[in-house]
Amino acid sequence: MKKNKKELIYYLANKYNLPLKTIDRMVNYQFKYVSKIMSIGNFEGIRIPYFGLFSVNPNRVKYLTQLKNKKDNATKEK
């Protein structure tokens, strides 16, 4: 039984007799949390139980940091 996100929210709201807005917040909370932690910039792993681990490869962070530093230095020299 495949449902899209809106159908799922509507189904849960009816089943548990809760407002749609409340169910929507519950469904989206975990991804807002992941977004918040990632925006801090510490690049630590974030595990959502029964869903997965969101992490960043340290070499990728190093590479992006080097690119940013080169760009900043080029801008300063002009």
PDB file of N, CA and C in Angstrom:
ATOM      1  N   MET A   1       0.853  -1.177   0.000  1.00  0.00           N
ATOM      2  CA  MET A   1       0.000   0.000   0.000  1.00  0.00           C
ATOM      3  C   MET A   1       0.893   1.232   0.000  1.00  0.00           C
ATOM      4  N   LYS A   2       1.121   1.783  -1.160  1.00  0.00           N
ATOM      5  CA  LYS A   2       1.997   2.931  -1.298  1.00  0.00           C
ATOM      6  C   LYS A   2       1.163   4.213  -1.248  1.00  0.00           C
ATOM      7  N   LYS A   3       1.587   5.126  -0.378  1.00  0.00           N
ATOM      8  CA  LYS A   3       0.876   6.396  -0.246  1.00  0.00           C
ATOM      9  C   LYS A   3       1.869   7.539  -0.345  1.00  0.00           C
ATOM     10  N   ASN A   4       1.395   8.649  -0.847  1.00  0.00           N
ATOM     11  CA  ASN A   4       2.274   9.803  -0.833  1.00  0.00           C
ATOM     12  C   ASN A   4       2.183  10.480   0.537  1.00  0.00           C
ATOM     13  N   LYS A   5       2.978  11.480   0.740  1.00  0.00           N
ATOM     14  CA  LYS A   5       3.110  12.108   2.050  1.00  0.00           C
ATOM     15  C   LYS A   5       1.795  12.723   2.536  1.00  0.00           C
ATOM     16  N   LYS A   6       1.086  13.419   1.669  1.00  0.00           N
ATOM     17  CA  LYS A   6      -0.175  14.060   2.071  1.00  0.00           C
ATOM     18  C   LYS A   6      -1.228  13.027   2.469  1.00  0.00           C
ATOM     19  N   GLU A   7      -1.291  11.944   1.711  1.00  0.00           N
ATOM     20  CA  GLU A   7      -2.248  10.890   2.044  1.00  0.00           C
ATOM     21  C   GLU A   7      -1.920  10.257   3.386  1.00  0.00           C
ATOM     22  N   LEU A   8      -0.642  10.057   3.648  1.00  0.00           N
ATOM     23  CA  LEU A   8      -0.205   9.490   4.909  1.00  0.00           C
ATOM     24  C   LEU A   8      -0.584  10.400   6.079  1.00  0.00           C
ATOM     25  N   ILE A   9      -0.345  11.687   5.932  1.00  0.00           N
ATOM     26  CA  ILE A   9      -0.677  12.648   6.983  1.00  0.00           C
ATOM     27  C   ILE A   9      -2.181  12.654   7.234  1.00  0.00           C
ATOM     28  N   TYR A  10      -2.953  12.662   6.171  1.00  0.00           N
ATOM     29  CA  TYR A  10      -4.412  12.665   6.301  1.00  0.00           C
ATOM     30  C   TYR A  10      -4.895  11.385   6.994  1.00  0.00           C
ATOM     31  N   TYR A  11      -4.338  10.247   6.594  1.00  0.00           N
ATOM     32  CA  TYR A  11      -4.708   8.968   7.192  1.00  0.00           C
ATOM     33  C   TYR A  11      -4.412   8.952   8.690  1.00  0.00           C
ATOM     34  N   LEU A  12      -3.218   9.382   9.070  1.00  0.00           N
ATOM     35  CA  LEU A  12      -2.833   9.383  10.481  1.00  0.00           C
ATOM     36  C   LEU A  12      -3.674  10.351  11.299  1.00  0.00           C
ATOM     37  N   ALA A  13      -3.992  11.510  10.717  1.00  0.00           N
ATOM     38  CA  ALA A  13      -4.819  12.497  11.413  1.00  0.00           C
ATOM     39  C   ALA A  13      -6.210  11.921  11.694  1.00  0.00           C
ATOM     40  N   ASN A  14      -6.762  11.220  10.725  1.00  0.00           N
ATOM     41  CA  ASN A  14      -8.075  10.613  10.923  1.00  0.00           C
ATOM     42  C   ASN A  14      -8.015   9.448  11.909  1.00  0.00           C
ATOM     43  N   LYS A  15      -6.987   8.638  11.791  1.00  0.00           N
ATOM     44  CA  LYS A  15      -6.871   7.472  12.654  1.00  0.00           C
ATOM     45  C   LYS A  15      -6.728   7.852  14.124  1.00  0.00           C
ATOM     46  N   TYR A  16      -5.908   8.876  14.400  1.00  0.00           N
ATOM     47  CA  TYR A  16      -5.645   9.264  15.786  1.00  0.00           C
ATOM     48  C   TYR A  16      -6.422  10.501  16.225  1.00  0.00           C
ATOM     49  N   ASN A  17      -7.308  10.985  15.361  1.00  0.00           N
ATOM     50  CA  ASN A  17      -8.163  12.125  15.670  1.00  0.00           C
ATOM     51  C   ASN A  17      -7.346  13.343  16.134  1.00  0.00           C
ATOM     52  N   LEU A  18      -6.339  13.673  15.354  1.00  0.00           N
ATOM     53  CA  LEU A  18      -5.475  14.817  15.624  1.00  0.00           C
ATOM     54  C   LEU A  18      -5.540  15.788  14.451  1.00  0.00           C
ATOM     55  N   PRO A  19      -5.220  17.057  14.690  1.00  0.00           N
ATOM     56  CA  PRO A  19      -5.215  18.032  13.582  1.00  0.00           C
ATOM     57  C   PRO A  19      -4.130  17.700  12.549  1.00  0.00           C
ATOM     58  N   LEU A  20      -4.400  18.044  11.302  1.00  0.00           N
ATOM     59  CA  LEU A  20      -3.443  17.792  10.224  1.00  0.00           C
ATOM     60  C   LEU A  20      -2.100  18.457  10.498  1.00  0.00           C
ATOM     61  N   LYS A  21      -2.153  19.672  11.044  1.00  0.00           N
ATOM     62  CA  LYS A  21      -0.925  20.420  11.313  1.00  0.00           C
ATOM     63  C   LYS A  21      -0.031  19.679  12.318  1.00  0.00           C
ATOM     64  N   THR A  22      -0.625  19.077  13.317  1.00  0.00           N
ATOM     65  CA  THR A  22       0.132  18.335  14.327  1.00  0.00           C
ATOM     66  C   THR A  22       0.828  17.127  13.698  1.00  0.00           C
ATOM     67  N   ILE A  23       0.093  16.384  12.894  1.00  0.00           N
ATOM     68  CA  ILE A  23       0.665  15.211  12.229  1.00  0.00           C
ATOM     69  C   ILE A  23       1.772  15.633  11.264  1.00  0.00           C
ATOM     70  N   ASP A  24       1.552  16.731  10.539  1.00  0.00           N
ATOM     71  CA  ASP A  24       2.561  17.235   9.603  1.00  0.00           C
ATOM     72  C   ASP A  24       3.859  17.572  10.341  1.00  0.00           C
ATOM     73  N   ARG A  25       3.740  18.195  11.487  1.00  0.00           N
ATOM     74  CA  ARG A  25       4.932  18.513  12.287  1.00  0.00           C
ATOM     75  C   ARG A  25       5.658  17.246  12.722  1.00  0.00           C
ATOM     76  N   MET A  26       4.888  16.238  13.126  1.00  0.00           N
ATOM     77  CA  MET A  26       5.499  14.978  13.561  1.00  0.00           C
ATOM     78  C   MET A  26       6.258  14.305  12.422  1.00  0.00           C
ATOM     79  N   VAL A  27       5.665  14.309  11.247  1.00  0.00           N
ATOM     80  CA  VAL A  27       6.278  13.657  10.100  1.00  0.00           C
ATOM     81  C   VAL A  27       7.552  14.378   9.670  1.00  0.00           C
ATOM     82  N   ASN A  28       7.540  15.704   9.712  1.00  0.00           N
ATOM     83  CA  ASN A  28       8.669  16.492   9.210  1.00  0.00           C
ATOM     84  C   ASN A  28       9.726  16.830  10.248  1.00  0.00           C
ATOM     85  N   TYR A  29       9.452  16.579  11.533  1.00  0.00           N
ATOM     86  CA  TYR A  29      10.370  17.008  12.585  1.00  0.00           C
ATOM     87  C   TYR A  29      11.768  16.434  12.422  1.00  0.00           C
ATOM     88  N   GLN A  30      11.852  15.148  12.158  1.00  0.00           N
ATOM     89  CA  GLN A  30      13.178  14.516  12.110  1.00  0.00           C
ATOM     90  C   GLN A  30      14.061  15.118  11.027  1.00  0.00           C
ATOM     91  N   PHE A  31      13.467  15.527   9.911  1.00  0.00           N
ATOM     92  CA  PHE A  31      14.270  16.101   8.832  1.00  0.00           C
ATOM     93  C   PHE A  31      14.640  17.557   9.130  1.00  0.00           C
ATOM     94  N   LYS A  32      13.797  18.250   9.863  1.00  0.00           N
ATOM     95  CA  LYS A  32      14.163  19.599  10.307  1.00  0.00           C
ATOM     96  C   LYS A  32      15.329  19.527  11.290  1.00  0.00           C
ATOM     97  N   TYR A  33      15.318  18.501  12.138  1.00  0.00           N
ATOM     98  CA  TYR A  33      16.413  18.306  13.088  1.00  0.00           C
ATOM     99  C   TYR A  33      17.723  18.040  12.352  1.00  0.00           C
ATOM    100  N   VAL A  34      17.689  17.157  11.362  1.00  0.00           N
ATOM    101  CA  VAL A  34      18.886  16.855  10.573  1.00  0.00           C
ATOM    102  C   VAL A  34      19.396  18.122   9.896  1.00  0.00           C
ATOM    103  N   SER A  35      18.492  18.903   9.327  1.00  0.00           N
ATOM    104  CA  SER A  35      18.866  20.147   8.663  1.00  0.00           C
ATOM    105  C   SER A  35      19.510  21.125   9.647  1.00  0.00           C
ATOM    106  N   LYS A  36      18.943  21.219  10.847  1.00  0.00           N
ATOM    107  CA  LYS A  36      19.476  22.129  11.877  1.00  0.00           C
ATOM    108  C   LYS A  36      20.897  21.731  12.272  1.00  0.00           C
ATOM    109  N   ILE A  37      21.109  20.454  12.529  1.00  0.00           N
ATOM    110  CA  ILE A  37      22.432  19.972  12.936  1.00  0.00           C
ATOM    111  C   ILE A  37      23.450  20.174  11.812  1.00  0.00           C
ATOM    112  N   MET A  38      23.053  19.896  10.571  1.00  0.00           N
ATOM    113  CA  MET A  38      23.969  20.066   9.444  1.00  0.00           C
ATOM    114  C   MET A  38      24.317  21.535   9.218  1.00  0.00           C
ATOM    115  N   SER A  39      23.376  22.434   9.483  1.00  0.00           N
ATOM    116  CA  SER A  39      23.641  23.858   9.267  1.00  0.00           C
ATOM    117  C   SER A  39      24.632  24.418  10.276  1.00  0.00           C
ATOM    118  N   ILE A  40      24.790  23.765  11.409  1.00  0.00           N
ATOM    119  CA  ILE A  40      25.768  24.210  12.411  1.00  0.00           C
ATOM    120  C   ILE A  40      27.175  24.102  11.852  1.00  0.00           C
ATOM    121  N   GLY A  41      27.430  23.045  11.073  1.00  0.00           N
ATOM    122  CA  GLY A  41      28.710  22.938  10.400  1.00  0.00           C
ATOM    123  C   GLY A  41      29.750  22.095  11.089  1.00  0.00           C
ATOM    124  N   ASN A  42      29.386  21.351  12.124  1.00  0.00           N
ATOM    125  CA  ASN A  42      30.354  20.485  12.798  1.00  0.00           C
ATOM    126  C   ASN A  42      30.600  19.199  12.030  1.00  0.00           C
ATOM    127  N   PHE A  43      29.724  18.877  11.099  1.00  0.00           N
ATOM    128  CA  PHE A  43      29.829  17.696  10.240  1.00  0.00           C
ATOM    129  C   PHE A  43      29.890  16.403  11.032  1.00  0.00           C
ATOM    130  N   GLU A  44      29.140  16.344  12.110  1.00  0.00           N
ATOM    131  CA  GLU A  44      29.067  15.102  12.863  1.00  0.00           C
ATOM    132  C   GLU A  44      27.947  14.231  12.285  1.00  0.00           C
ATOM    133  N   GLY A  45      28.041  12.942  12.499  1.00  0.00           N
ATOM    134  CA  GLY A  45      27.026  12.017  12.002  1.00  0.00           C
ATOM    135  C   GLY A  45      25.727  12.165  12.775  1.00  0.00           C
ATOM    136  N   ILE A  46      24.622  12.007  12.077  1.00  0.00           N
ATOM    137  CA  ILE A  46      23.305  12.116  12.691  1.00  0.00           C
ATOM    138  C   ILE A  46      22.547  10.835  12.371  1.00  0.00           C
ATOM    139  N   ARG A  47      22.150  10.103  13.393  1.00  0.00           N
ATOM    140  CA  ARG A  47      21.424   8.846  13.191  1.00  0.00           C
ATOM    141  C   ARG A  47      19.950   9.053  13.525  1.00  0.00           C
ATOM    142  N   ILE A  48      19.108   8.653  12.578  1.00  0.00           N
ATOM    143  CA  ILE A  48      17.670   8.619  12.814  1.00  0.00           C
ATOM    144  C   ILE A  48      17.312   7.141  12.958  1.00  0.00           C
ATOM    145  N   PRO A  49      16.817   6.748  14.141  1.00  0.00           N
ATOM    146  CA  PRO A  49      16.514   5.339  14.363  1.00  0.00           C
ATOM    147  C   PRO A  49      15.574   4.760  13.299  1.00  0.00           C
ATOM    148  N   TYR A  50      15.885   3.590  12.842  1.00  0.00           N
ATOM    149  CA  TYR A  50      15.122   2.843  11.836  1.00  0.00           C
ATOM    150  C   TYR A  50      15.095   3.520  10.472  1.00  0.00           C
ATOM    151  N   PHE A  51      15.917   4.547  10.279  1.00  0.00           N
ATOM    152  CA  PHE A  51      15.943   5.234   8.991  1.00  0.00           C
ATOM    153  C   PHE A  51      17.344   5.249   8.395  1.00  0.00           C
ATOM    154  N   GLY A  52      18.331   5.668   9.186  1.00  0.00           N
ATOM    155  CA  GLY A  52      19.688   5.663   8.669  1.00  0.00           C
ATOM    156  C   GLY A  52      20.588   6.675   9.340  1.00  0.00           C
ATOM    157  N   LEU A  53      21.814   6.707   8.862  1.00  0.00           N
ATOM    158  CA  LEU A  53      22.838   7.611   9.374  1.00  0.00           C
ATOM    159  C   LEU A  53      23.183   8.623   8.293  1.00  0.00           C
ATOM    160  N   PHE A  54      23.127   9.889   8.639  1.00  0.00           N
ATOM    161  CA  PHE A  54      23.525  10.963   7.743  1.00  0.00           C
ATOM    162  C   PHE A  54      24.898  11.425   8.204  1.00  0.00           C
ATOM    163  N   SER A  55      25.881  11.305   7.321  1.00  0.00           N
ATOM    164  CA  SER A  55      27.244  11.692   7.700  1.00  0.00           C
ATOM    165  C   SER A  55      27.958  12.298   6.503  1.00  0.00           C
ATOM    166  N   VAL A  56      29.088  12.919   6.795  1.00  0.00           N
ATOM    167  CA  VAL A  56      29.894  13.569   5.772  1.00  0.00           C
ATOM    168  C   VAL A  56      31.262  12.918   5.758  1.00  0.00           C
ATOM    169  N   ASN A  57      31.768  12.640   4.579  1.00  0.00           N
ATOM    170  CA  ASN A  57      33.102  12.089   4.422  1.00  0.00           C
ATOM    171  C   ASN A  57      34.115  13.175   4.818  1.00  0.00           C
ATOM    172  N   PRO A  58      35.025  12.899   5.771  1.00  0.00           N
ATOM    173  CA  PRO A  58      35.998  13.905   6.205  1.00  0.00           C
ATOM    174  C   PRO A  58      36.873  14.436   5.071  1.00  0.00           C
ATOM    175  N   ASN A  59      37.194  13.589   4.101  1.00  0.00           N
ATOM    176  CA  ASN A  59      38.004  14.045   2.967  1.00  0.00           C
ATOM    177  C   ASN A  59      37.238  15.066   2.128  1.00  0.00           C
ATOM    178  N   ARG A  60      35.938  14.902   2.015  1.00  0.00           N
ATOM    179  CA  ARG A  60      35.117  15.849   1.260  1.00  0.00           C
ATOM    180  C   ARG A  60      35.100  17.207   1.967  1.00  0.00           C
ATOM    181  N   VAL A  61      35.000  17.185   3.292  1.00  0.00           N
ATOM    182  CA  VAL A  61      35.026  18.430   4.069  1.00  0.00           C
ATOM    183  C   VAL A  61      36.364  19.133   3.862  1.00  0.00           C
ATOM    184  N   LYS A  62      37.448  18.382   3.907  1.00  0.00           N
ATOM    185  CA  LYS A  62      38.792  18.940   3.721  1.00  0.00           C
ATOM    186  C   LYS A  62      38.915  19.583   2.338  1.00  0.00           C
ATOM    187  N   TYR A  63      38.430  18.882   1.312  1.00  0.00           N
ATOM    188  CA  TYR A  63      38.492  19.390  -0.060  1.00  0.00           C
ATOM    189  C   TYR A  63      37.677  20.678  -0.210  1.00  0.00           C
ATOM    190  N   LEU A  64      36.472  20.694   0.326  1.00  0.00           N
ATOM    191  CA  LEU A  64      35.625  21.889   0.217  1.00  0.00           C
ATOM    192  C   LEU A  64      36.206  23.066   0.994  1.00  0.00           C
ATOM    193  N   THR A  65      36.823  22.777   2.123  1.00  0.00           N
ATOM    194  CA  THR A  65      37.468  23.834   2.908  1.00  0.00           C
ATOM    195  C   THR A  65      38.638  24.445   2.129  1.00  0.00           C
ATOM    196  N   GLN A  66      39.419  23.604   1.459  1.00  0.00           N
ATOM    197  CA  GLN A  66      40.532  24.106   0.647  1.00  0.00           C
ATOM    198  C   GLN A  66      40.022  24.979  -0.502  1.00  0.00           C
ATOM    199  N   LEU A  67      38.964  24.546  -1.145  1.00  0.00           N
ATOM    200  CA  LEU A  67      38.390  25.348  -2.237  1.00  0.00           C
ATOM    201  C   LEU A  67      37.918  26.705  -1.732  1.00  0.00           C
ATOM    202  N   LYS A  68      37.269  26.698  -0.580  1.00  0.00           N
ATOM    203  CA  LYS A  68      36.774  27.949  -0.006  1.00  0.00           C
ATOM    204  C   LYS A  68      37.934  28.876   0.340  1.00  0.00           C
ATOM    205  N   ASN A  69      38.991  28.325   0.922  1.00  0.00           N
ATOM    206  CA  ASN A  69      40.154  29.138   1.284  1.00  0.00           C
ATOM    207  C   ASN A  69      40.823  29.737   0.043  1.00  0.00           C
ATOM    208  N   LYS A  70      40.934  28.954  -1.026  1.00  0.00           N
ATOM    209  CA  LYS A  70      41.513  29.468  -2.272  1.00  0.00           C
ATOM    210  C   LYS A  70      40.669  30.609  -2.827  1.00  0.00           C
ATOM    211  N   LYS A  71      39.358  30.436  -2.780  1.00  0.00           N
ATOM    212  CA  LYS A  71      38.450  31.469  -3.290  1.00  0.00           C
ATOM    213  C   LYS A  71      38.563  32.743  -2.446  1.00  0.00           C
ATOM    214  N   ASP A  72      38.622  32.590  -1.119  1.00  0.00           N
ATOM    215  CA  ASP A  72      38.756  33.740  -0.230  1.00  0.00           C
ATOM    216  C   ASP A  72      40.078  34.469  -0.464  1.00  0.00           C
ATOM    217  N   ASN A  73      41.158  33.715  -0.643  1.00  0.00           N
ATOM    218  CA  ASN A  73      42.471  34.324  -0.890  1.00  0.00           C
ATOM    219  C   ASN A  73      42.486  35.050  -2.225  1.00  0.00           C
ATOM    220  N   ALA A  74      41.870  34.487  -3.249  1.00  0.00           N
ATOM    221  CA  ALA A  74      41.805  35.138  -4.553  1.00  0.00           C
ATOM    222  C   ALA A  74      41.018  36.442  -4.486  1.00  0.00           C
ATOM    223  N   THR A  75      39.955  36.441  -3.693  1.00  0.00           N
ATOM    224  CA  THR A  75      39.141  37.640  -3.542  1.00  0.00           C
ATOM    225  C   THR A  75      39.904  38.734  -2.797  1.00  0.00           C
ATOM    226  N   LYS A  76      40.656  38.345  -1.781  1.00  0.00           N
ATOM    227  CA  LYS A  76      41.443  39.308  -0.999  1.00  0.00           C
ATOM    228  C   LYS A  76      42.558  39.946  -1.828  1.00  0.00           C
ATOM    229  N   GLU A  77      43.139  39.177  -2.739  1.00  0.00           N
ATOM    230  CA  GLU A  77      44.263  39.675  -3.531  1.00  0.00           C
ATOM    231  C   GLU A  77      43.815  40.710  -4.565  1.00  0.00           C
ATOM    232  N   LYS A  78      42.563  40.710  -4.935  1.00  0.00           N
ATOM    233  CA  LYS A  78      42.084  41.666  -5.954  1.00  0.00           C
ATOM    234  C   LYS A  78      41.883  43.011  -5.416  1.00  0.00           C
TER     235      LYS A  78
END
